[in-house]
Amino acid sequence: MLTFENILELFQEYLLRDPEEEVLPCKRGYVRLTWNKDSRYCVDGILCQTPEELFDLLLTDYQDFELLRRTKGRREVTEADEKAVEKLCQPYLDWRKGALK
C-alpha cells in the first residue's frame, strides 16, 4: 500500500541530496516546493493530494536531478545518460509495484 509516509521514506536519500527540493505536509496532502538556490522565494509548489501523485512527482524530480548531475548542466543528455538514469530509477518502480500488490 502506498502512503505518503513510506514514499517520503523511500525518497529520503534523494531529498537530502537535492538542496532545491522540499516536501511539506499541508491540509490537502503534501506540497513539493522547488527553491532557487538561496532565494527567499520558491520557484514552484505542486500539491499532491494522493500518495501516487507524490510518488510520480518525486520520481520525475529524481530523474531530472540525476540527469543534471551526470551532465553537470554543461552538455546535452545522451542516450547513455538516459539509460543509466533509468537503471537508477528501476528500484523505485520495483518498490511501487510491490507496494501496490
PDB file of N, CA and C in Angstrom:
ATOM      1  N   MET A   1       0.837  -1.182   0.000  1.00  0.00           N
ATOM      2  CA  MET A   1       0.000   0.000   0.000  1.00  0.00           C
ATOM      3  C   MET A   1       0.885   1.250   0.000  1.00  0.00           C
ATOM      4  N   LEU A   2       0.523   2.180  -0.827  1.00  0.00           N
ATOM      5  CA  LEU A   2       1.268   3.432  -0.882  1.00  0.00           C
ATOM      6  C   LEU A   2       0.713   4.396   0.163  1.00  0.00           C
ATOM      7  N   THR A   3       1.603   4.953   0.957  1.00  0.00           N
ATOM      8  CA  THR A   3       1.231   6.018   1.886  1.00  0.00           C
ATOM      9  C   THR A   3       2.217   7.165   1.689  1.00  0.00           C
ATOM     10  N   PHE A   4       1.805   8.347   2.085  1.00  0.00           N
ATOM     11  CA  PHE A   4       2.723   9.478   2.000  1.00  0.00           C
ATOM     12  C   PHE A   4       3.999   9.187   2.785  1.00  0.00           C
ATOM     13  N   GLU A   5       3.845   8.595   3.932  1.00  0.00           N
ATOM     14  CA  GLU A   5       4.995   8.357   4.811  1.00  0.00           C
ATOM     15  C   GLU A   5       6.012   7.399   4.185  1.00  0.00           C
ATOM     16  N   ASN A   6       5.515   6.284   3.579  1.00  0.00           N
ATOM     17  CA  ASN A   6       6.510   5.355   3.028  1.00  0.00           C
ATOM     18  C   ASN A   6       7.126   5.889   1.738  1.00  0.00           C
ATOM     19  N   ILE A   7       6.431   6.761   1.038  1.00  0.00           N
ATOM     20  CA  ILE A   7       7.026   7.388  -0.151  1.00  0.00           C
ATOM     21  C   ILE A   7       8.111   8.386   0.271  1.00  0.00           C
ATOM     22  N   LEU A   8       7.850   9.151   1.309  1.00  0.00           N
ATOM     23  CA  LEU A   8       8.874  10.077   1.806  1.00  0.00           C
ATOM     24  C   LEU A   8      10.089   9.320   2.324  1.00  0.00           C
ATOM     25  N   GLU A   9       9.857   8.193   2.956  1.00  0.00           N
ATOM     26  CA  GLU A   9      10.972   7.368   3.419  1.00  0.00           C
ATOM     27  C   GLU A   9      11.775   6.827   2.233  1.00  0.00           C
ATOM     28  N   LEU A  10      11.070   6.383   1.210  1.00  0.00           N
ATOM     29  CA  LEU A  10      11.725   5.841   0.012  1.00  0.00           C
ATOM     30  C   LEU A  10      12.616   6.888  -0.658  1.00  0.00           C
ATOM     31  N   PHE A  11      12.132   8.116  -0.744  1.00  0.00           N
ATOM     32  CA  PHE A  11      12.871   9.178  -1.442  1.00  0.00           C
ATOM     33  C   PHE A  11      13.716  10.031  -0.490  1.00  0.00           C
ATOM     34  N   GLN A  12      13.843   9.624   0.753  1.00  0.00           N
ATOM     35  CA  GLN A  12      14.562  10.417   1.748  1.00  0.00           C
ATOM     36  C   GLN A  12      15.997  10.741   1.329  1.00  0.00           C
ATOM     37  N   GLU A  13      16.720   9.753   0.851  1.00  0.00           N
ATOM     38  CA  GLU A  13      18.116   9.982   0.457  1.00  0.00           C
ATOM     39  C   GLU A  13      18.207  11.022  -0.668  1.00  0.00           C
ATOM     40  N   TYR A  14      17.341  10.879  -1.659  1.00  0.00           N
ATOM     41  CA  TYR A  14      17.329  11.862  -2.750  1.00  0.00           C
ATOM     42  C   TYR A  14      17.012  13.259  -2.214  1.00  0.00           C
ATOM     43  N   LEU A  15      15.982  13.369  -1.382  1.00  0.00           N
ATOM     44  CA  LEU A  15      15.580  14.685  -0.885  1.00  0.00           C
ATOM     45  C   LEU A  15      16.676  15.333  -0.046  1.00  0.00           C
ATOM     46  N   LEU A  16      17.465  14.536   0.643  1.00  0.00           N
ATOM     47  CA  LEU A  16      18.584  15.084   1.412  1.00  0.00           C
ATOM     48  C   LEU A  16      19.710  15.576   0.503  1.00  0.00           C
ATOM     49  N   ARG A  17      19.861  14.938  -0.663  1.00  0.00           N
ATOM     50  CA  ARG A  17      20.935  15.313  -1.592  1.00  0.00           C
ATOM     51  C   ARG A  17      20.572  16.499  -2.471  1.00  0.00           C
ATOM     52  N   ASP A  18      19.292  16.724  -2.708  1.00  0.00           N
ATOM     53  CA  ASP A  18      18.866  17.799  -3.606  1.00  0.00           C
ATOM     54  C   ASP A  18      18.494  19.033  -2.778  1.00  0.00           C
ATOM     55  N   PRO A  19      19.342  20.047  -2.769  1.00  0.00           N
ATOM     56  CA  PRO A  19      19.091  21.209  -1.920  1.00  0.00           C
ATOM     57  C   PRO A  19      17.937  22.093  -2.402  1.00  0.00           C
ATOM     58  N   GLU A  20      17.439  21.844  -3.595  1.00  0.00           N
ATOM     59  CA  GLU A  20      16.391  22.699  -4.141  1.00  0.00           C
ATOM     60  C   GLU A  20      14.991  22.112  -4.012  1.00  0.00           C
ATOM     61  N   GLU A  21      14.867  20.892  -3.488  1.00  0.00           N
ATOM     62  CA  GLU A  21      13.559  20.246  -3.362  1.00  0.00           C
ATOM     63  C   GLU A  21      13.202  20.063  -1.899  1.00  0.00           C
ATOM     64  N   GLU A  22      11.919  20.251  -1.601  1.00  0.00           N
ATOM     65  CA  GLU A  22      11.428  20.074  -0.242  1.00  0.00           C
ATOM     66  C   GLU A  22       9.976  19.613  -0.310  1.00  0.00           C
ATOM     67  N   VAL A  23       9.593  18.724   0.585  1.00  0.00           N
ATOM     68  CA  VAL A  23       8.215  18.238   0.640  1.00  0.00           C
ATOM     69  C   VAL A  23       7.666  18.542   2.023  1.00  0.00           C
ATOM     70  N   LEU A  24       6.513  19.206   2.042  1.00  0.00           N
ATOM     71  CA  LEU A  24       5.916  19.622   3.304  1.00  0.00           C
ATOM     72  C   LEU A  24       4.458  19.162   3.384  1.00  0.00           C
ATOM     73  N   PRO A  25       4.008  18.776   4.584  1.00  0.00           N
ATOM     74  CA  PRO A  25       2.591  18.428   4.736  1.00  0.00           C
ATOM     75  C   PRO A  25       1.736  19.688   4.734  1.00  0.00           C
ATOM     76  N   CYS A  26       0.522  19.543   4.269  1.00  0.00           N
ATOM     77  CA  CYS A  26      -0.440  20.641   4.319  1.00  0.00           C
ATOM     78  C   CYS A  26      -1.839  20.048   4.518  1.00  0.00           C
ATOM     79  N   LYS A  27      -2.828  20.876   4.643  1.00  0.00           N
ATOM     80  CA  LYS A  27      -4.189  20.414   4.902  1.00  0.00           C
ATOM     81  C   LYS A  27      -4.738  19.525   3.785  1.00  0.00           C
ATOM     82  N   ARG A  28      -4.257  19.699   2.582  1.00  0.00           N
ATOM     83  CA  ARG A  28      -4.810  18.971   1.437  1.00  0.00           C
ATOM     84  C   ARG A  28      -3.941  17.818   0.954  1.00  0.00           C
ATOM     85  N   GLY A  29      -2.860  17.531   1.643  1.00  0.00           N
ATOM     86  CA  GLY A  29      -1.942  16.463   1.235  1.00  0.00           C
ATOM     87  C   GLY A  29      -0.518  16.874   1.549  1.00  0.00           C
ATOM     88  N   TYR A  30       0.324  16.854   0.516  1.00  0.00           N
ATOM     89  CA  TYR A  30       1.714  17.299   0.644  1.00  0.00           C
ATOM     90  C   TYR A  30       2.028  18.238  -0.513  1.00  0.00           C
ATOM     91  N   VAL A  31       2.894  19.205  -0.243  1.00  0.00           N
ATOM     92  CA  VAL A  31       3.327  20.148  -1.267  1.00  0.00           C
ATOM     93  C   VAL A  31       4.811  19.936  -1.511  1.00  0.00           C
ATOM     94  N   ARG A  32       5.163  19.764  -2.786  1.00  0.00           N
ATOM     95  CA  ARG A  32       6.575  19.706  -3.159  1.00  0.00           C
ATOM     96  C   ARG A  32       6.978  21.094  -3.614  1.00  0.00           C
ATOM     97  N   LEU A  33       7.947  21.683  -2.920  1.00  0.00           N
ATOM     98  CA  LEU A  33       8.452  23.014  -3.247  1.00  0.00           C
ATOM     99  C   LEU A  33       9.803  22.892  -3.923  1.00  0.00           C
ATOM    100  N   THR A  34      10.029  23.745  -4.902  1.00  0.00           N
ATOM    101  CA  THR A  34      11.330  23.848  -5.541  1.00  0.00           C
ATOM    102  C   THR A  34      11.860  25.246  -5.268  1.00  0.00           C
ATOM    103  N   TRP A  35      13.056  25.287  -4.704  1.00  0.00           N
ATOM    104  CA  TRP A  35      13.711  26.548  -4.366  1.00  0.00           C
ATOM    105  C   TRP A  35      14.775  26.858  -5.402  1.00  0.00           C
ATOM    106  N   ASN A  36      15.076  28.114  -5.561  1.00  0.00           N
ATOM    107  CA  ASN A  36      16.124  28.559  -6.467  1.00  0.00           C
ATOM    108  C   ASN A  36      17.309  29.039  -5.646  1.00  0.00           C
ATOM    109  N   LYS A  37      18.220  28.100  -5.402  1.00  0.00           N
ATOM    110  CA  LYS A  37      19.424  28.385  -4.607  1.00  0.00           C
ATOM    111  C   LYS A  37      19.053  29.049  -3.284  1.00  0.00           C
ATOM    112  N   ASP A  38      19.563  30.255  -3.039  1.00  0.00           N
ATOM    113  CA  ASP A  38      19.349  30.926  -1.760  1.00  0.00           C
ATOM    114  C   ASP A  38      18.229  31.959  -1.783  1.00  0.00           C
ATOM    115  N   SER A  39      17.421  31.953  -2.831  1.00  0.00           N
ATOM    116  CA  SER A  39      16.318  32.909  -2.913  1.00  0.00           C
ATOM    117  C   SER A  39      15.316  32.651  -1.793  1.00  0.00           C
ATOM    118  N   ARG A  40      14.680  33.688  -1.327  1.00  0.00           N
ATOM    119  CA  ARG A  40      13.656  33.507  -0.296  1.00  0.00           C
ATOM    120  C   ARG A  40      12.316  33.125  -0.898  1.00  0.00           C
ATOM    121  N   TYR A  41      12.244  33.068  -2.228  1.00  0.00           N
ATOM    122  CA  TYR A  41      11.011  32.703  -2.920  1.00  0.00           C
ATOM    123  C   TYR A  41      11.175  31.353  -3.595  1.00  0.00           C
ATOM    124  N   CYS A  42      10.133  30.541  -3.506  1.00  0.00           N
ATOM    125  CA  CYS A  42      10.213  29.249  -4.175  1.00  0.00           C
ATOM    126  C   CYS A  42       9.884  29.417  -5.661  1.00  0.00           C
ATOM    127  N   VAL A  43      10.439  28.528  -6.465  1.00  0.00           N
ATOM    128  CA  VAL A  43      10.214  28.552  -7.910  1.00  0.00           C
ATOM    129  C   VAL A  43       8.816  28.039  -8.214  1.00  0.00           C
ATOM    130  N   ASP A  44       8.451  26.936  -7.564  1.00  0.00           N
ATOM    131  CA  ASP A  44       7.101  26.416  -7.730  1.00  0.00           C
ATOM    132  C   ASP A  44       6.715  25.563  -6.541  1.00  0.00           C
ATOM    133  N   GLY A  45       5.447  25.321  -6.439  1.00  0.00           N
ATOM    134  CA  GLY A  45       4.907  24.437  -5.417  1.00  0.00           C
ATOM    135  C   GLY A  45       3.820  23.608  -6.071  1.00  0.00           C
ATOM    136  N   ILE A  46       3.890  22.307  -5.896  1.00  0.00           N
ATOM    137  CA  ILE A  46       2.903  21.419  -6.515  1.00  0.00           C
ATOM    138  C   ILE A  46       2.240  20.606  -5.413  1.00  0.00           C
ATOM    139  N   LEU A  47       0.917  20.690  -5.367  1.00  0.00           N
ATOM    140  CA  LEU A  47       0.137  19.945  -4.391  1.00  0.00           C
ATOM    141  C   LEU A  47      -0.041  18.514  -4.860  1.00  0.00           C
ATOM    142  N   CYS A  48       0.237  17.582  -3.971  1.00  0.00           N
ATOM    143  CA  CYS A  48      -0.001  16.156  -4.220  1.00  0.00           C
ATOM    144  C   CYS A  48      -1.062  15.708  -3.225  1.00  0.00           C
ATOM    145  N   GLN A  49      -2.233  15.394  -3.729  1.00  0.00           N
ATOM    146  CA  GLN A  49      -3.332  15.005  -2.855  1.00  0.00           C
ATOM    147  C   GLN A  49      -3.378  13.508  -2.586  1.00  0.00           C
ATOM    148  N   THR A  50      -2.620  12.741  -3.367  1.00  0.00           N
ATOM    149  CA  THR A  50      -2.573  11.295  -3.152  1.00  0.00           C
ATOM    150  C   THR A  50      -1.118  10.843  -3.106  1.00  0.00           C
ATOM    151  N   PRO A  51      -0.860   9.719  -2.448  1.00  0.00           N
ATOM    152  CA  PRO A  51       0.498   9.187  -2.447  1.00  0.00           C
ATOM    153  C   PRO A  51       1.009   8.884  -3.854  1.00  0.00           C
ATOM    154  N   GLU A  52       0.134   8.451  -4.743  1.00  0.00           N
ATOM    155  CA  GLU A  52       0.539   8.157  -6.119  1.00  0.00           C
ATOM    156  C   GLU A  52       1.047   9.408  -6.827  1.00  0.00           C
ATOM    157  N   GLU A  53       0.367  10.525  -6.602  1.00  0.00           N
ATOM    158  CA  GLU A  53       0.821  11.788  -7.198  1.00  0.00           C
ATOM    159  C   GLU A  53       2.196  12.167  -6.667  1.00  0.00           C
ATOM    160  N   LEU A  54       2.401  12.007  -5.377  1.00  0.00           N
ATOM    161  CA  LEU A  54       3.695  12.344  -4.777  1.00  0.00           C
ATOM    162  C   LEU A  54       4.790  11.438  -5.320  1.00  0.00           C
ATOM    163  N   PHE A  55       4.510  10.146  -5.427  1.00  0.00           N
ATOM    164  CA  PHE A  55       5.500   9.213  -5.962  1.00  0.00           C
ATOM    165  C   PHE A  55       5.902   9.620  -7.373  1.00  0.00           C
ATOM    166  N   ASP A  56       4.918   9.845  -8.244  1.00  0.00           N
ATOM    167  CA  ASP A  56       5.209  10.187  -9.639  1.00  0.00           C
ATOM    168  C   ASP A  56       6.020  11.474  -9.741  1.00  0.00           C
ATOM    169  N   LEU A  57       5.657  12.465  -8.952  1.00  0.00           N
ATOM    170  CA  LEU A  57       6.367  13.745  -8.994  1.00  0.00           C
ATOM    171  C   LEU A  57       7.805  13.599  -8.499  1.00  0.00           C
ATOM    172  N   LEU A  58       7.990  12.899  -7.389  1.00  0.00           N
ATOM    173  CA  LEU A  58       9.352  12.734  -6.853  1.00  0.00           C
ATOM    174  C   LEU A  58      10.212  11.869  -7.760  1.00  0.00           C
ATOM    175  N   LEU A  59       9.615  10.886  -8.413  1.00  0.00           N
ATOM    176  CA  LEU A  59      10.395  10.080  -9.351  1.00  0.00           C
ATOM    177  C   LEU A  59      10.861  10.934 -10.528  1.00  0.00           C
ATOM    178  N   THR A  60       9.993  11.772 -11.042  1.00  0.00           N
ATOM    179  CA  THR A  60      10.376  12.687 -12.133  1.00  0.00           C
ATOM    180  C   THR A  60      11.460  13.651 -11.670  1.00  0.00           C
ATOM    181  N   ASP A  61      11.298  14.187 -10.470  1.00  0.00           N
ATOM    182  CA  ASP A  61      12.317  15.099  -9.924  1.00  0.00           C
ATOM    183  C   ASP A  61      13.659  14.383  -9.774  1.00  0.00           C
ATOM    184  N   TYR A  62      13.608  13.148  -9.292  1.00  0.00           N
ATOM    185  CA  TYR A  62      14.834  12.367  -9.119  1.00  0.00           C
ATOM    186  C   TYR A  62      15.508  12.115 -10.465  1.00  0.00           C
ATOM    187  N   GLN A  63      14.730  11.762 -11.469  1.00  0.00           N
ATOM    188  CA  GLN A  63      15.287  11.546 -12.815  1.00  0.00           C
ATOM    189  C   GLN A  63      15.985  12.808 -13.303  1.00  0.00           C
ATOM    190  N   ASP A  64      15.309  13.942 -13.177  1.00  0.00           N
ATOM    191  CA  ASP A  64      15.887  15.217 -13.621  1.00  0.00           C
ATOM    192  C   ASP A  64      17.156  15.552 -12.840  1.00  0.00           C
ATOM    193  N   PHE A  65      17.141  15.319 -11.535  1.00  0.00           N
ATOM    194  CA  PHE A  65      18.293  15.575 -10.685  1.00  0.00           C
ATOM    195  C   PHE A  65      19.489  14.740 -11.134  1.00  0.00           C
ATOM    196  N   GLU A  66      19.260  13.455 -11.393  1.00  0.00           N
ATOM    197  CA  GLU A  66      20.349  12.569 -11.806  1.00  0.00           C
ATOM    198  C   GLU A  66      20.870  12.924 -13.200  1.00  0.00           C
ATOM    199  N   LEU A  67      19.989  13.303 -14.107  1.00  0.00           N
ATOM    200  CA  LEU A  67      20.441  13.719 -15.443  1.00  0.00           C
ATOM    201  C   LEU A  67      21.296  14.980 -15.338  1.00  0.00           C
ATOM    202  N   LEU A  68      20.860  15.921 -14.527  1.00  0.00           N
ATOM    203  CA  LEU A  68      21.632  17.149 -14.341  1.00  0.00           C
ATOM    204  C   LEU A  68      22.971  16.857 -13.670  1.00  0.00           C
ATOM    205  N   ARG A  69      22.963  15.950 -12.724  1.00  0.00           N
ATOM    206  CA  ARG A  69      24.205  15.570 -12.046  1.00  0.00           C
ATOM    207  C   ARG A  69      25.187  14.936 -13.033  1.00  0.00           C
ATOM    208  N   ARG A  70      24.680  14.105 -13.931  1.00  0.00           N
ATOM    209  CA  ARG A  70      25.547  13.447 -14.912  1.00  0.00           C
ATOM    210  C   ARG A  70      26.123  14.433 -15.927  1.00  0.00           C
ATOM    211  N   THR A  71      25.295  15.363 -16.382  1.00  0.00           N
ATOM    212  CA  THR A  71      25.739  16.299 -17.424  1.00  0.00           C
ATOM    213  C   THR A  71      26.351  17.569 -16.840  1.00  0.00           C
ATOM    214  N   LYS A  72      26.146  17.775 -15.534  1.00  0.00           N
ATOM    215  CA  LYS A  72      26.591  18.997 -14.857  1.00  0.00           C
ATOM    216  C   LYS A  72      26.006  20.246 -15.511  1.00  0.00           C
ATOM    217  N   GLY A  73      24.917  20.059 -16.270  1.00  0.00           N
ATOM    218  CA  GLY A  73      24.274  21.183 -16.935  1.00  0.00           C
ATOM    219  C   GLY A  73      25.113  21.798 -18.037  1.00  0.00           C
ATOM    220  N   ARG A  74      26.149  21.079 -18.495  1.00  0.00           N
ATOM    221  CA  ARG A  74      27.088  21.649 -19.462  1.00  0.00           C
ATOM    222  C   ARG A  74      27.043  20.984 -20.825  1.00  0.00           C
ATOM    223  N   ARG A  75      26.207  19.947 -20.949  1.00  0.00           N
ATOM    224  CA  ARG A  75      26.113  19.272 -22.238  1.00  0.00           C
ATOM    225  C   ARG A  75      24.728  18.659 -22.392  1.00  0.00           C
ATOM    226  N   GLU A  76      24.437  18.260 -23.600  1.00  0.00           N
ATOM    227  CA  GLU A  76      23.158  17.623 -23.872  1.00  0.00           C
ATOM    228  C   GLU A  76      23.120  16.233 -23.236  1.00  0.00           C
ATOM    229  N   VAL A  77      21.926  15.799 -22.887  1.00  0.00           N
ATOM    230  CA  VAL A  77      21.731  14.459 -22.344  1.00  0.00           C
ATOM    231  C   VAL A  77      21.876  13.453 -23.488  1.00  0.00           C
ATOM    232  N   THR A  78      22.649  12.416 -23.249  1.00  0.00           N
ATOM    233  CA  THR A  78      22.850  11.378 -24.261  1.00  0.00           C
ATOM    234  C   THR A  78      21.950  10.179 -23.955  1.00  0.00           C
ATOM    235  N   GLU A  79      21.876   9.285 -24.911  1.00  0.00           N
ATOM    236  CA  GLU A  79      21.115   8.053 -24.713  1.00  0.00           C
ATOM    237  C   GLU A  79      21.720   7.234 -23.563  1.00  0.00           C
ATOM    238  N   ALA A  80      23.031   7.248 -23.461  1.00  0.00           N
ATOM    239  CA  ALA A  80      23.704   6.539 -22.366  1.00  0.00           C
ATOM    240  C   ALA A  80      23.307   7.137 -21.011  1.00  0.00           C
ATOM    241  N   ASP A  81      23.198   8.466 -20.946  1.00  0.00           N
ATOM    242  CA  ASP A  81      22.751   9.126 -19.715  1.00  0.00           C
ATOM    243  C   ASP A  81      21.343   8.661 -19.353  1.00  0.00           C
ATOM    244  N   GLU A  82      20.462   8.666 -20.327  1.00  0.00           N
ATOM    245  CA  GLU A  82      19.076   8.269 -20.080  1.00  0.00           C
ATOM    246  C   GLU A  82      18.982   6.822 -19.607  1.00  0.00           C
ATOM    247  N   LYS A  83      19.756   5.944 -20.220  1.00  0.00           N
ATOM    248  CA  LYS A  83      19.736   4.539 -19.812  1.00  0.00           C
ATOM    249  C   LYS A  83      20.284   4.365 -18.408  1.00  0.00           C
ATOM    250  N   ALA A  84      21.336   5.089 -18.072  1.00  0.00           N
ATOM    251  CA  ALA A  84      21.914   4.999 -16.731  1.00  0.00           C
ATOM    252  C   ALA A  84      20.920   5.486 -15.677  1.00  0.00           C
ATOM    253  N   VAL A  85      20.210   6.558 -15.977  1.00  0.00           N
ATOM    254  CA  VAL A  85      19.235   7.090 -15.026  1.00  0.00           C
ATOM    255  C   VAL A  85      18.021   6.161 -14.927  1.00  0.00           C
ATOM    256  N   GLU A  86      17.608   5.574 -16.027  1.00  0.00           N
ATOM    257  CA  GLU A  86      16.522   4.588 -15.981  1.00  0.00           C
ATOM    258  C   GLU A  86      16.894   3.438 -15.044  1.00  0.00           C
ATOM    259  N   LYS A  87      18.142   3.019 -15.105  1.00  0.00           N
ATOM    260  CA  LYS A  87      18.621   1.940 -14.240  1.00  0.00           C
ATOM    261  C   LYS A  87      18.568   2.371 -12.768  1.00  0.00           C
ATOM    262  N   LEU A  88      18.920   3.627 -12.486  1.00  0.00           N
ATOM    263  CA  LEU A  88      18.850   4.144 -11.117  1.00  0.00           C
ATOM    264  C   LEU A  88      17.405   4.224 -10.615  1.00  0.00           C
ATOM    265  N   CYS A  89      16.476   4.482 -11.521  1.00  0.00           N
ATOM    266  CA  CYS A  89      15.065   4.634 -11.147  1.00  0.00           C
ATOM    267  C   CYS A  89      14.344   3.300 -10.999  1.00  0.00           C
ATOM    268  N   GLN A  90      14.878   2.259 -11.572  1.00  0.00           N
ATOM    269  CA  GLN A  90      14.190   0.973 -11.570  1.00  0.00           C
ATOM    270  C   GLN A  90      13.859   0.452 -10.164  1.00  0.00           C
ATOM    271  N   PRO A  91      14.764   0.571  -9.190  1.00  0.00           N
ATOM    272  CA  PRO A  91      14.396   0.111  -7.835  1.00  0.00           C
ATOM    273  C   PRO A  91      13.169   0.828  -7.268  1.00  0.00           C
ATOM    274  N   TYR A  92      12.997   2.099  -7.595  1.00  0.00           N
ATOM    275  CA  TYR A  92      11.818   2.838  -7.136  1.00  0.00           C
ATOM    276  C   TYR A  92      10.554   2.271  -7.783  1.00  0.00           C
ATOM    277  N   LEU A  93      10.627   1.984  -9.081  1.00  0.00           N
ATOM    278  CA  LEU A  93       9.482   1.408  -9.780  1.00  0.00           C
ATOM    279  C   LEU A  93       9.164   0.010  -9.265  1.00  0.00           C
ATOM    280  N   ASP A  94      10.202  -0.768  -8.990  1.00  0.00           N
ATOM    281  CA  ASP A  94      10.004  -2.106  -8.429  1.00  0.00           C
ATOM    282  C   ASP A  94       9.350  -2.016  -7.049  1.00  0.00           C
ATOM    283  N   TRP A  95       9.794  -1.071  -6.255  1.00  0.00           N
ATOM    284  CA  TRP A  95       9.214  -0.879  -4.927  1.00  0.00           C
ATOM    285  C   TRP A  95       7.726  -0.566  -5.039  1.00  0.00           C
ATOM    286  N   ARG A  96       7.380   0.347  -5.973  1.00  0.00           N
ATOM    287  CA  ARG A  96       5.967   0.717  -6.137  1.00  0.00           C
ATOM    288  C   ARG A  96       5.135  -0.494  -6.563  1.00  0.00           C
ATOM    289  N   LYS A  97       5.677  -1.273  -7.484  1.00  0.00           N
ATOM    290  CA  LYS A  97       4.958  -2.465  -7.936  1.00  0.00           C
ATOM    291  C   LYS A  97       4.669  -3.390  -6.757  1.00  0.00           C
ATOM    292  N   GLY A  98       5.659  -3.588  -5.899  1.00  0.00           N
ATOM    293  CA  GLY A  98       5.473  -4.432  -4.717  1.00  0.00           C
ATOM    294  C   GLY A  98       4.500  -3.829  -3.715  1.00  0.00           C
ATOM    295  N   ALA A  99       4.532  -2.511  -3.576  1.00  0.00           N
ATOM    296  CA  ALA A  99       3.649  -1.845  -2.613  1.00  0.00           C
ATOM    297  C   ALA A  99       2.186  -1.884  -3.058  1.00  0.00           C
ATOM    298  N   LEU A 100       1.956  -1.977  -4.346  1.00  0.00           N
ATOM    299  CA  LEU A 100       0.591  -1.993  -4.863  1.00  0.00           C
ATOM    300  C   LEU A 100      -0.043  -3.371  -4.842  1.00  0.00           C
ATOM    301  N   LYS A 101       0.745  -4.403  -4.570  1.00  0.00           N
ATOM    302  CA  LYS A 101       0.187  -5.765  -4.550  1.00  0.00           C
ATOM    303  C   LYS A 101      -0.661  -5.997  -3.332  1.00  0.00           C
TER     304      LYS A 101
END
